[in-house]
């Protein structure tokens, strides 16, 4: 195998590694968004509304309420009911 072919194979390997890393980051981001979805949606709504010139009160309220609910659910979890969804 000559040097040119070896260099092309190494570049392909590097690209594959970057694709795997990006995919793992995307999966982690999806998981975090699902875990903190209401809070993130409320904060995103507040930021978008504020940037548009509004007050963002509704989004802030949604984020605060979701945070309170998530905190209560987290405090209520024990080893016996940890895997239950609570629904």
C-alpha atoms as a PDB file:
ATOM      1  CA  UNK A   1       0.000   0.000   0.000  1.00  0.00           C
ATOM      2  CA  UNK A   2       1.477   3.346  -0.941  1.00  0.00           C
ATOM      3  CA  UNK A   3       1.586   6.469   1.233  1.00  0.00           C
ATOM      4  CA  UNK A   4      -1.297   8.184  -0.572  1.00  0.00           C
ATOM      5  CA  UNK A   5      -3.764   5.352   0.097  1.00  0.00           C
ATOM      6  CA  UNK A   6      -2.656   5.123   3.721  1.00  0.00           C
ATOM      7  CA  UNK A   7      -3.219   8.856   4.227  1.00  0.00           C
ATOM      8  CA  UNK A   8      -6.746   8.638   2.734  1.00  0.00           C
ATOM      9  CA  UNK A   9      -7.651   5.737   5.028  1.00  0.00           C
ATOM     10  CA  UNK A  10      -6.415   7.654   8.076  1.00  0.00           C
ATOM     11  CA  UNK A  11      -8.489  10.709   7.122  1.00  0.00           C
ATOM     12  CA  UNK A  12     -11.557   8.499   6.758  1.00  0.00           C
ATOM     13  CA  UNK A  13     -10.942   7.018  10.201  1.00  0.00           C
ATOM     14  CA  UNK A  14     -10.704  10.498  11.727  1.00  0.00           C
ATOM     15  CA  UNK A  15     -13.954  11.564  10.064  1.00  0.00           C
ATOM     16  CA  UNK A  16     -15.708   8.454  11.395  1.00  0.00           C
ATOM     17  CA  UNK A  17     -14.527   9.233  14.918  1.00  0.00           C
ATOM     18  CA  UNK A  18     -15.906  12.789  14.667  1.00  0.00           C
ATOM     19  CA  UNK A  19     -19.253  11.479  13.402  1.00  0.00           C
ATOM     20  CA  UNK A  20     -19.478   9.079  16.361  1.00  0.00           C
ATOM     21  CA  UNK A  21     -18.674  11.881  18.811  1.00  0.00           C
ATOM     22  CA  UNK A  22     -21.297  14.185  17.266  1.00  0.00           C
ATOM     23  CA  UNK A  23     -23.891  11.384  17.399  1.00  0.00           C
ATOM     24  CA  UNK A  24     -23.165  10.754  21.092  1.00  0.00           C
ATOM     25  CA  UNK A  25     -23.467  14.452  21.879  1.00  0.00           C
ATOM     26  CA  UNK A  26     -26.792  14.584  20.018  1.00  0.00           C
ATOM     27  CA  UNK A  27     -28.116  11.573  21.949  1.00  0.00           C
ATOM     28  CA  UNK A  28     -27.045  13.135  25.240  1.00  0.00           C
ATOM     29  CA  UNK A  29     -28.699  16.439  24.296  1.00  0.00           C
ATOM     30  CA  UNK A  30     -31.950  14.647  23.458  1.00  0.00           C
ATOM     31  CA  UNK A  31     -31.857  12.838  26.799  1.00  0.00           C
ATOM     32  CA  UNK A  32     -31.267  16.061  28.730  1.00  0.00           C
ATOM     33  CA  UNK A  33     -34.016  17.826  26.804  1.00  0.00           C
ATOM     34  CA  UNK A  34     -36.465  15.025  27.640  1.00  0.00           C
ATOM     35  CA  UNK A  35     -35.471  15.019  31.311  1.00  0.00           C
ATOM     36  CA  UNK A  36     -35.752  18.788  31.694  1.00  0.00           C
ATOM     37  CA  UNK A  37     -38.142  19.416  28.792  1.00  0.00           C
ATOM     38  CA  UNK A  38     -40.676  21.696  30.457  1.00  0.00           C
ATOM     39  CA  UNK A  39     -38.010  23.801  32.116  1.00  0.00           C
ATOM     40  CA  UNK A  40     -36.026  24.126  28.877  1.00  0.00           C
ATOM     41  CA  UNK A  41     -39.157  24.955  26.869  1.00  0.00           C
ATOM     42  CA  UNK A  42     -40.135  27.650  29.369  1.00  0.00           C
ATOM     43  CA  UNK A  43     -36.675  29.195  29.386  1.00  0.00           C
ATOM     44  CA  UNK A  44     -36.456  29.052  25.589  1.00  0.00           C
ATOM     45  CA  UNK A  45     -39.870  30.687  25.333  1.00  0.00           C
ATOM     46  CA  UNK A  46     -38.825  33.403  27.767  1.00  0.00           C
ATOM     47  CA  UNK A  47     -35.607  34.093  25.863  1.00  0.00           C
ATOM     48  CA  UNK A  48     -37.382  34.208  22.488  1.00  0.00           C
ATOM     49  CA  UNK A  49     -40.155  36.462  23.769  1.00  0.00           C
ATOM     50  CA  UNK A  50     -37.705  38.804  25.481  1.00  0.00           C
ATOM     51  CA  UNK A  51     -35.547  39.037  22.355  1.00  0.00           C
ATOM     52  CA  UNK A  52     -38.692  39.867  20.375  1.00  0.00           C
ATOM     53  CA  UNK A  53     -39.436  42.754  22.745  1.00  0.00           C
ATOM     54  CA  UNK A  54     -42.084  41.106  24.960  1.00  0.00           C
ATOM     55  CA  UNK A  55     -42.086  40.445  28.688  1.00  0.00           C
ATOM     56  CA  UNK A  56     -41.774  36.651  28.640  1.00  0.00           C
ATOM     57  CA  UNK A  57     -43.917  36.213  31.757  1.00  0.00           C
ATOM     58  CA  UNK A  58     -45.774  33.127  30.516  1.00  0.00           C
ATOM     59  CA  UNK A  59     -42.588  31.241  29.657  1.00  0.00           C
ATOM     60  CA  UNK A  60     -40.995  32.204  32.958  1.00  0.00           C
ATOM     61  CA  UNK A  61     -44.066  30.951  34.844  1.00  0.00           C
ATOM     62  CA  UNK A  62     -43.991  27.672  32.897  1.00  0.00           C
ATOM     63  CA  UNK A  63     -40.307  27.185  33.679  1.00  0.00           C
ATOM     64  CA  UNK A  64     -40.793  27.967  37.368  1.00  0.00           C
ATOM     65  CA  UNK A  65     -43.735  25.573  37.700  1.00  0.00           C
ATOM     66  CA  UNK A  66     -41.881  22.803  35.858  1.00  0.00           C
ATOM     67  CA  UNK A  67     -38.872  23.310  38.117  1.00  0.00           C
ATOM     68  CA  UNK A  68     -41.030  23.043  41.226  1.00  0.00           C
ATOM     69  CA  UNK A  69     -42.689  19.864  39.911  1.00  0.00           C
ATOM     70  CA  UNK A  70     -39.332  18.304  38.982  1.00  0.00           C
ATOM     71  CA  UNK A  71     -37.951  19.129  42.419  1.00  0.00           C
ATOM     72  CA  UNK A  72     -40.971  17.554  44.149  1.00  0.00           C
ATOM     73  CA  UNK A  73     -40.717  14.427  41.998  1.00  0.00           C
ATOM     74  CA  UNK A  74     -37.001  14.141  42.705  1.00  0.00           C
ATOM     75  CA  UNK A  75     -37.534  14.478  46.456  1.00  0.00           C
ATOM     76  CA  UNK A  76     -40.300  11.832  46.411  1.00  0.00           C
ATOM     77  CA  UNK A  77     -38.099   9.191  44.753  1.00  0.00           C
ATOM     78  CA  UNK A  78     -36.740   6.342  46.860  1.00  0.00           C
ATOM     79  CA  UNK A  79     -34.979   3.131  45.958  1.00  0.00           C
ATOM     80  CA  UNK A  80     -38.328   1.329  45.915  1.00  0.00           C
ATOM     81  CA  UNK A  81     -40.040   3.615  43.382  1.00  0.00           C
ATOM     82  CA  UNK A  82     -37.068   5.013  41.463  1.00  0.00           C
ATOM     83  CA  UNK A  83     -37.924   3.399  38.131  1.00  0.00           C
ATOM     84  CA  UNK A  84     -41.627   4.265  38.189  1.00  0.00           C
ATOM     85  CA  UNK A  85     -42.759   7.145  35.983  1.00  0.00           C
ATOM     86  CA  UNK A  86     -45.287   8.460  38.474  1.00  0.00           C
ATOM     87  CA  UNK A  87     -48.114   8.554  35.941  1.00  0.00           C
END
